[in-house]
N, C-alpha and C. Protein backbone atom coordinates (compact mmCIF):
# COMPACT_ATOMS: atom_id res chain seq x y z
N MET A 1 67.87 -80.09 16.51
CA MET A 1 66.71 -79.26 16.72
C MET A 1 66.39 -78.71 17.86
N LEU A 2 65.62 -77.59 18.07
CA LEU A 2 65.18 -76.57 19.30
C LEU A 2 64.76 -77.69 20.19
N GLU A 3 63.70 -78.50 19.38
CA GLU A 3 63.04 -79.05 20.56
C GLU A 3 63.71 -80.15 21.51
N ASP A 4 64.67 -80.64 20.80
CA ASP A 4 65.72 -81.71 21.70
C ASP A 4 66.38 -80.75 22.78
N ARG A 5 66.63 -79.41 22.72
CA ARG A 5 67.38 -78.84 23.64
C ARG A 5 66.76 -78.43 24.85
N PRO A 6 67.10 -78.78 26.00
CA PRO A 6 66.51 -78.76 27.33
C PRO A 6 66.17 -76.63 27.32
N GLY A 7 65.13 -76.27 27.80
CA GLY A 7 64.85 -74.83 27.85
C GLY A 7 65.27 -74.15 29.42
N ARG A 8 65.62 -73.06 29.21
CA ARG A 8 65.93 -72.37 30.38
C ARG A 8 64.79 -72.11 30.89
N PRO A 9 64.95 -71.81 32.51
CA PRO A 9 63.93 -71.54 33.17
C PRO A 9 63.29 -70.04 33.13
N LEU A 10 62.26 -69.78 33.22
CA LEU A 10 61.59 -68.48 33.32
C LEU A 10 61.92 -67.72 34.31
N ASP A 11 62.29 -66.49 34.04
CA ASP A 11 62.95 -65.36 35.09
C ASP A 11 61.23 -64.77 35.87
N GLU A 12 61.74 -63.85 36.78
CA GLU A 12 60.58 -63.51 37.82
C GLU A 12 59.48 -62.72 36.53
N ARG A 13 60.09 -62.13 35.91
CA ARG A 13 59.46 -60.91 34.78
C ARG A 13 58.86 -62.05 33.75
N GLU A 14 59.42 -62.68 33.53
CA GLU A 14 58.78 -63.55 32.24
C GLU A 14 57.31 -64.57 33.02
N LEU A 15 57.71 -64.88 34.20
CA LEU A 15 56.68 -65.76 34.84
C LEU A 15 55.39 -64.57 35.28
N LEU A 16 55.69 -63.67 35.54
CA LEU A 16 54.93 -62.52 35.94
C LEU A 16 53.83 -61.87 34.69
N ALA A 17 54.49 -61.98 33.73
CA ALA A 17 54.05 -61.46 32.02
C ALA A 17 53.06 -62.58 31.91
N LEU A 18 53.50 -64.06 32.13
CA LEU A 18 52.44 -65.02 31.60
C LEU A 18 51.39 -65.09 32.37
N ALA A 19 51.42 -64.80 33.73
CA ALA A 19 50.33 -64.77 34.62
C ALA A 19 49.48 -63.64 34.54
N GLU A 20 49.88 -62.53 34.00
CA GLU A 20 49.28 -61.47 33.34
C GLU A 20 48.37 -61.73 32.21
N ILE A 21 48.85 -62.36 31.42
CA ILE A 21 48.39 -62.69 30.09
C ILE A 21 47.07 -63.70 30.29
N SER A 22 47.49 -64.50 31.19
CA SER A 22 46.64 -65.49 31.34
C SER A 22 45.23 -64.88 32.38
N ALA A 23 45.75 -64.23 33.04
CA ALA A 23 44.26 -63.77 34.11
C ALA A 23 43.50 -62.58 33.05
N ALA A 24 44.21 -61.97 32.26
CA ALA A 24 43.36 -61.02 31.53
C ALA A 24 42.58 -62.10 30.29
N THR A 25 43.05 -63.00 29.53
CA THR A 25 42.41 -63.86 28.86
C THR A 25 41.37 -64.29 29.65
N LEU A 26 41.54 -65.09 31.14
CA LEU A 26 40.52 -65.54 31.73
C LEU A 26 39.26 -64.72 32.09
N ARG A 27 39.71 -63.48 31.98
CA ARG A 27 38.55 -62.44 32.56
C ARG A 27 38.15 -61.92 31.32
N ASP A 28 38.63 -61.47 30.25
CA ASP A 28 38.23 -60.90 28.72
C ASP A 28 37.33 -62.28 28.35
N ASP A 29 37.41 -63.48 28.39
CA ASP A 29 36.98 -64.36 27.53
C ASP A 29 37.22 -65.63 28.54
N PRO A 30 35.99 -65.84 29.54
CA PRO A 30 36.21 -67.33 30.31
C PRO A 30 35.95 -68.42 29.71
N GLY A 31 35.26 -68.42 28.40
CA GLY A 31 34.92 -69.65 27.90
C GLY A 31 35.83 -70.02 26.98
N LEU A 32 36.86 -69.38 26.63
CA LEU A 32 37.89 -69.92 25.59
C LEU A 32 38.69 -71.13 25.93
N ALA A 33 39.19 -71.24 27.15
CA ALA A 33 39.65 -72.49 27.24
C ALA A 33 38.60 -73.76 26.90
N ARG A 34 37.60 -73.43 27.17
CA ARG A 34 36.26 -74.88 27.03
C ARG A 34 36.53 -74.83 25.47
N ARG A 35 36.39 -73.93 24.45
CA ARG A 35 35.91 -73.71 23.19
C ARG A 35 37.36 -74.02 22.55
N LEU A 36 38.46 -74.24 23.04
CA LEU A 36 40.00 -74.54 22.47
C LEU A 36 40.14 -75.95 23.13
N GLU A 37 39.85 -76.32 23.75
CA GLU A 37 39.92 -77.74 24.18
C GLU A 37 40.31 -79.06 23.30
N GLY A 38 39.75 -78.65 21.87
CA GLY A 38 39.82 -79.73 21.33
C GLY A 38 38.66 -80.85 20.89
N VAL A 39 37.12 -80.49 21.59
CA VAL A 39 36.21 -81.25 21.79
C VAL A 39 35.86 -81.44 20.28
N GLU A 40 35.94 -82.51 19.75
CA GLU A 40 35.18 -82.45 18.02
C GLU A 40 33.70 -81.85 18.03
N GLY A 41 33.53 -81.41 16.82
CA GLY A 41 32.49 -80.37 16.44
C GLY A 41 32.26 -79.09 17.32
N ILE A 42 33.29 -78.49 17.84
CA ILE A 42 33.15 -77.33 18.48
C ILE A 42 34.36 -76.20 17.77
N ASP A 43 33.44 -75.45 16.91
CA ASP A 43 34.48 -74.82 16.25
C ASP A 43 34.90 -73.80 16.90
N HIS A 44 36.10 -73.22 16.58
CA HIS A 44 36.74 -72.03 17.18
C HIS A 44 35.93 -70.69 16.82
N PRO A 45 35.55 -69.93 17.26
CA PRO A 45 34.60 -68.87 16.91
C PRO A 45 34.99 -68.00 15.78
N PRO A 46 36.45 -67.75 15.58
CA PRO A 46 36.87 -67.00 13.99
C PRO A 46 36.20 -67.85 12.96
N VAL A 47 36.30 -68.98 13.15
CA VAL A 47 35.74 -70.05 12.10
C VAL A 47 34.49 -69.50 11.64
N ARG A 48 33.87 -69.41 12.43
CA ARG A 48 32.31 -69.17 12.32
C ARG A 48 32.00 -67.68 12.07
N ARG A 49 33.10 -66.70 12.38
CA ARG A 49 32.75 -64.90 12.45
C ARG A 49 33.41 -64.56 11.46
N THR A 50 34.10 -65.18 10.10
CA THR A 50 34.86 -64.42 9.41
C THR A 50 34.22 -63.72 8.10
N GLY A 51 34.33 -62.68 7.93
CA GLY A 51 33.74 -62.20 6.58
C GLY A 51 32.30 -61.73 6.83
N THR A 52 31.52 -61.16 6.12
CA THR A 52 30.17 -61.03 6.21
C THR A 52 29.52 -61.98 4.86
N PRO A 53 28.82 -62.70 5.34
CA PRO A 53 27.95 -63.55 4.10
C PRO A 53 27.23 -62.49 2.76
N LEU A 54 27.78 -63.43 1.65
CA LEU A 54 27.32 -62.79 0.46
C LEU A 54 26.31 -63.13 -0.35
N ARG A 55 25.54 -62.37 -1.08
CA ARG A 55 24.34 -62.79 -1.56
C ARG A 55 24.58 -62.99 -2.77
N PRO A 56 23.84 -64.19 -3.62
CA PRO A 56 23.98 -64.94 -4.65
C PRO A 56 24.18 -64.01 -5.70
N PRO A 57 23.19 -62.87 -5.79
CA PRO A 57 23.70 -61.86 -6.66
C PRO A 57 24.91 -61.35 -6.66
N VAL A 58 25.24 -60.86 -5.58
CA VAL A 58 26.64 -60.39 -5.47
C VAL A 58 27.81 -60.90 -6.30
N VAL A 59 27.77 -62.47 -5.52
CA VAL A 59 28.56 -63.33 -6.08
C VAL A 59 28.50 -63.36 -7.65
N ALA A 60 27.46 -63.62 -8.43
CA ALA A 60 27.12 -63.85 -9.71
C ALA A 60 27.84 -62.31 -10.53
N ALA A 61 27.50 -61.25 -9.67
CA ALA A 61 27.86 -60.12 -10.67
C ALA A 61 29.42 -59.92 -10.60
N VAL A 62 30.19 -60.40 -9.51
CA VAL A 62 31.49 -60.37 -9.40
C VAL A 62 32.00 -61.57 -10.47
N MET A 63 31.54 -62.77 -10.56
CA MET A 63 31.80 -63.56 -11.22
C MET A 63 31.81 -63.48 -13.10
N ALA A 64 30.61 -62.16 -13.08
CA ALA A 64 30.68 -61.93 -14.55
C ALA A 64 31.65 -60.72 -14.88
N ALA A 65 31.79 -60.24 -13.97
CA ALA A 65 33.00 -58.91 -14.09
C ALA A 65 34.21 -59.70 -14.22
N ALA A 66 34.33 -60.52 -13.72
CA ALA A 66 35.88 -61.38 -14.05
C ALA A 66 35.80 -62.09 -15.78
N VAL A 67 34.49 -62.75 -15.67
CA VAL A 67 34.74 -63.79 -17.38
C VAL A 67 34.74 -62.24 -18.22
N LEU A 68 34.33 -61.01 -18.17
CA LEU A 68 34.49 -60.12 -18.87
C LEU A 68 35.69 -59.54 -19.08
N PHE A 69 36.42 -59.46 -17.80
CA PHE A 69 37.69 -58.82 -17.82
C PHE A 69 38.63 -59.95 -18.36
N ALA A 70 38.51 -61.13 -18.43
CA ALA A 70 39.14 -62.13 -19.09
C ALA A 70 39.17 -61.79 -20.65
N LEU A 71 37.95 -61.92 -21.15
CA LEU A 71 37.43 -61.94 -22.30
C LEU A 71 38.24 -60.41 -23.00
N LEU A 72 38.35 -59.40 -22.09
CA LEU A 72 38.96 -58.11 -22.61
C LEU A 72 40.64 -58.50 -22.75
N VAL A 73 41.13 -58.97 -21.65
CA VAL A 73 42.25 -59.00 -21.73
C VAL A 73 42.69 -59.72 -22.82
N ALA A 74 41.94 -61.24 -23.12
CA ALA A 74 42.40 -61.88 -24.14
C ALA A 74 42.36 -61.61 -25.57
N SER A 75 41.57 -60.39 -25.89
CA SER A 75 41.11 -59.52 -27.04
C SER A 75 42.17 -58.39 -27.38
N LEU A 76 42.94 -57.98 -26.10
CA LEU A 76 43.57 -57.13 -26.42
C LEU A 76 45.63 -57.33 -26.57
N PRO A 77 46.00 -56.57 -27.56
CA PRO A 77 47.54 -57.11 -28.08
C PRO A 77 48.41 -57.41 -26.51
N PRO A 78 49.55 -58.11 -26.30
CA PRO A 78 50.11 -58.59 -25.25
C PRO A 78 50.73 -57.16 -24.34
N MET A 79 51.00 -56.29 -25.09
CA MET A 79 51.63 -55.11 -24.26
C MET A 79 50.47 -54.24 -23.74
N VAL A 80 49.57 -54.06 -24.10
CA VAL A 80 48.34 -53.44 -23.46
C VAL A 80 47.60 -54.41 -22.74
N ALA A 81 47.63 -55.54 -23.02
CA ALA A 81 46.90 -56.35 -22.07
C ALA A 81 47.88 -56.48 -20.60
N SER A 82 49.08 -56.51 -20.85
CA SER A 82 49.73 -56.34 -19.47
C SER A 82 49.50 -55.04 -18.56
N THR A 83 49.83 -54.20 -19.49
CA THR A 83 49.29 -52.85 -18.88
C THR A 83 47.76 -52.73 -18.15
N VAL A 84 46.89 -53.29 -18.55
CA VAL A 84 45.30 -53.39 -18.13
C VAL A 84 45.31 -54.22 -16.98
N VAL A 85 46.23 -55.30 -16.79
CA VAL A 85 46.26 -56.11 -16.04
C VAL A 85 46.75 -55.82 -14.68
N PHE A 86 48.23 -54.77 -15.01
CA PHE A 86 48.90 -54.16 -13.87
C PHE A 86 48.02 -53.32 -13.12
N VAL A 87 47.36 -52.43 -13.89
CA VAL A 87 46.27 -51.23 -13.45
C VAL A 87 45.43 -51.55 -12.78
N VAL A 88 44.49 -52.68 -13.24
CA VAL A 88 43.58 -53.24 -12.84
C VAL A 88 43.84 -53.89 -11.49
N MET A 89 44.81 -54.71 -11.32
CA MET A 89 45.26 -55.30 -10.28
C MET A 89 45.67 -54.54 -9.09
N LEU A 90 46.55 -53.76 -9.54
CA LEU A 90 47.11 -52.64 -8.61
C LEU A 90 46.36 -51.63 -8.02
N VAL A 91 45.40 -50.98 -8.80
CA VAL A 91 44.62 -49.91 -8.47
C VAL A 91 43.05 -50.00 -8.35
N VAL A 92 42.69 -50.91 -9.59
CA VAL A 92 41.15 -51.01 -9.47
C VAL A 92 40.69 -51.76 -8.52
N VAL A 93 41.00 -53.10 -8.63
CA VAL A 93 40.56 -54.02 -7.41
C VAL A 93 40.81 -53.35 -5.84
N PRO A 94 42.18 -53.10 -5.35
CA PRO A 94 42.37 -52.51 -3.94
C PRO A 94 41.43 -51.32 -3.74
N GLY A 95 41.11 -50.55 -4.60
CA GLY A 95 40.47 -49.31 -4.46
C GLY A 95 38.91 -49.64 -4.55
N GLY A 96 38.44 -50.66 -5.07
CA GLY A 96 36.78 -50.99 -5.09
C GLY A 96 36.69 -51.71 -3.91
N CYS A 97 37.56 -52.64 -3.23
CA CYS A 97 37.61 -53.57 -2.10
C CYS A 97 37.47 -52.39 -0.81
N ILE A 98 38.28 -51.12 -1.11
CA ILE A 98 38.22 -49.95 0.01
C ILE A 98 36.95 -49.36 0.14
N VAL A 99 36.37 -49.19 -1.00
CA VAL A 99 34.92 -48.44 -1.20
C VAL A 99 34.04 -49.31 -0.58
N TRP A 100 34.22 -50.81 -1.26
CA TRP A 100 33.16 -51.29 -0.76
C TRP A 100 33.08 -51.39 0.70
N ALA A 101 34.06 -52.04 1.53
CA ALA A 101 34.31 -52.05 2.92
C ALA A 101 33.66 -50.55 3.32
N ARG A 102 34.04 -49.55 3.13
CA ARG A 102 33.86 -48.31 3.77
C ARG A 102 32.14 -48.13 3.66
N ARG A 103 31.74 -48.57 2.64
CA ARG A 103 30.33 -48.50 2.24
C ARG A 103 29.42 -49.30 3.37
N ARG A 104 30.09 -50.73 3.31
CA ARG A 104 29.55 -51.49 4.27
C ARG A 104 29.82 -51.29 5.95
N GLY A 105 30.55 -50.36 6.29
CA GLY A 105 31.26 -50.34 7.57
C GLY A 105 31.61 -51.25 8.19
N GLU A 106 32.58 -52.03 7.20
CA GLU A 106 33.46 -52.82 7.64
C GLU A 106 35.16 -52.22 7.79
N LEU A 107 35.30 -50.97 7.21
CA LEU A 107 36.45 -50.57 7.52
C LEU A 107 36.45 -49.26 8.14
């Protein structure tokens, strides 16, 4: 395994690059080391700030649309159903996500 092999010493360029990265990180986010030190109960910021909270009516509407889509696909002949699924999954869903994100200012 690679962990068992001794590593080579870093050269001057690599040491300089690591020092610059460390300095930039400390300058841009001085509290990062404290938040990442592994203290129980302190969440990493991205865990708390991912995505936008959804309202229950939006979740209910999406779930209703998914159930209606499943019923539609189940009622279609197999060849038509597979075409409908491919079109919806490859065109409608990504397009809807892009439009949704643009309208909410997240894209």
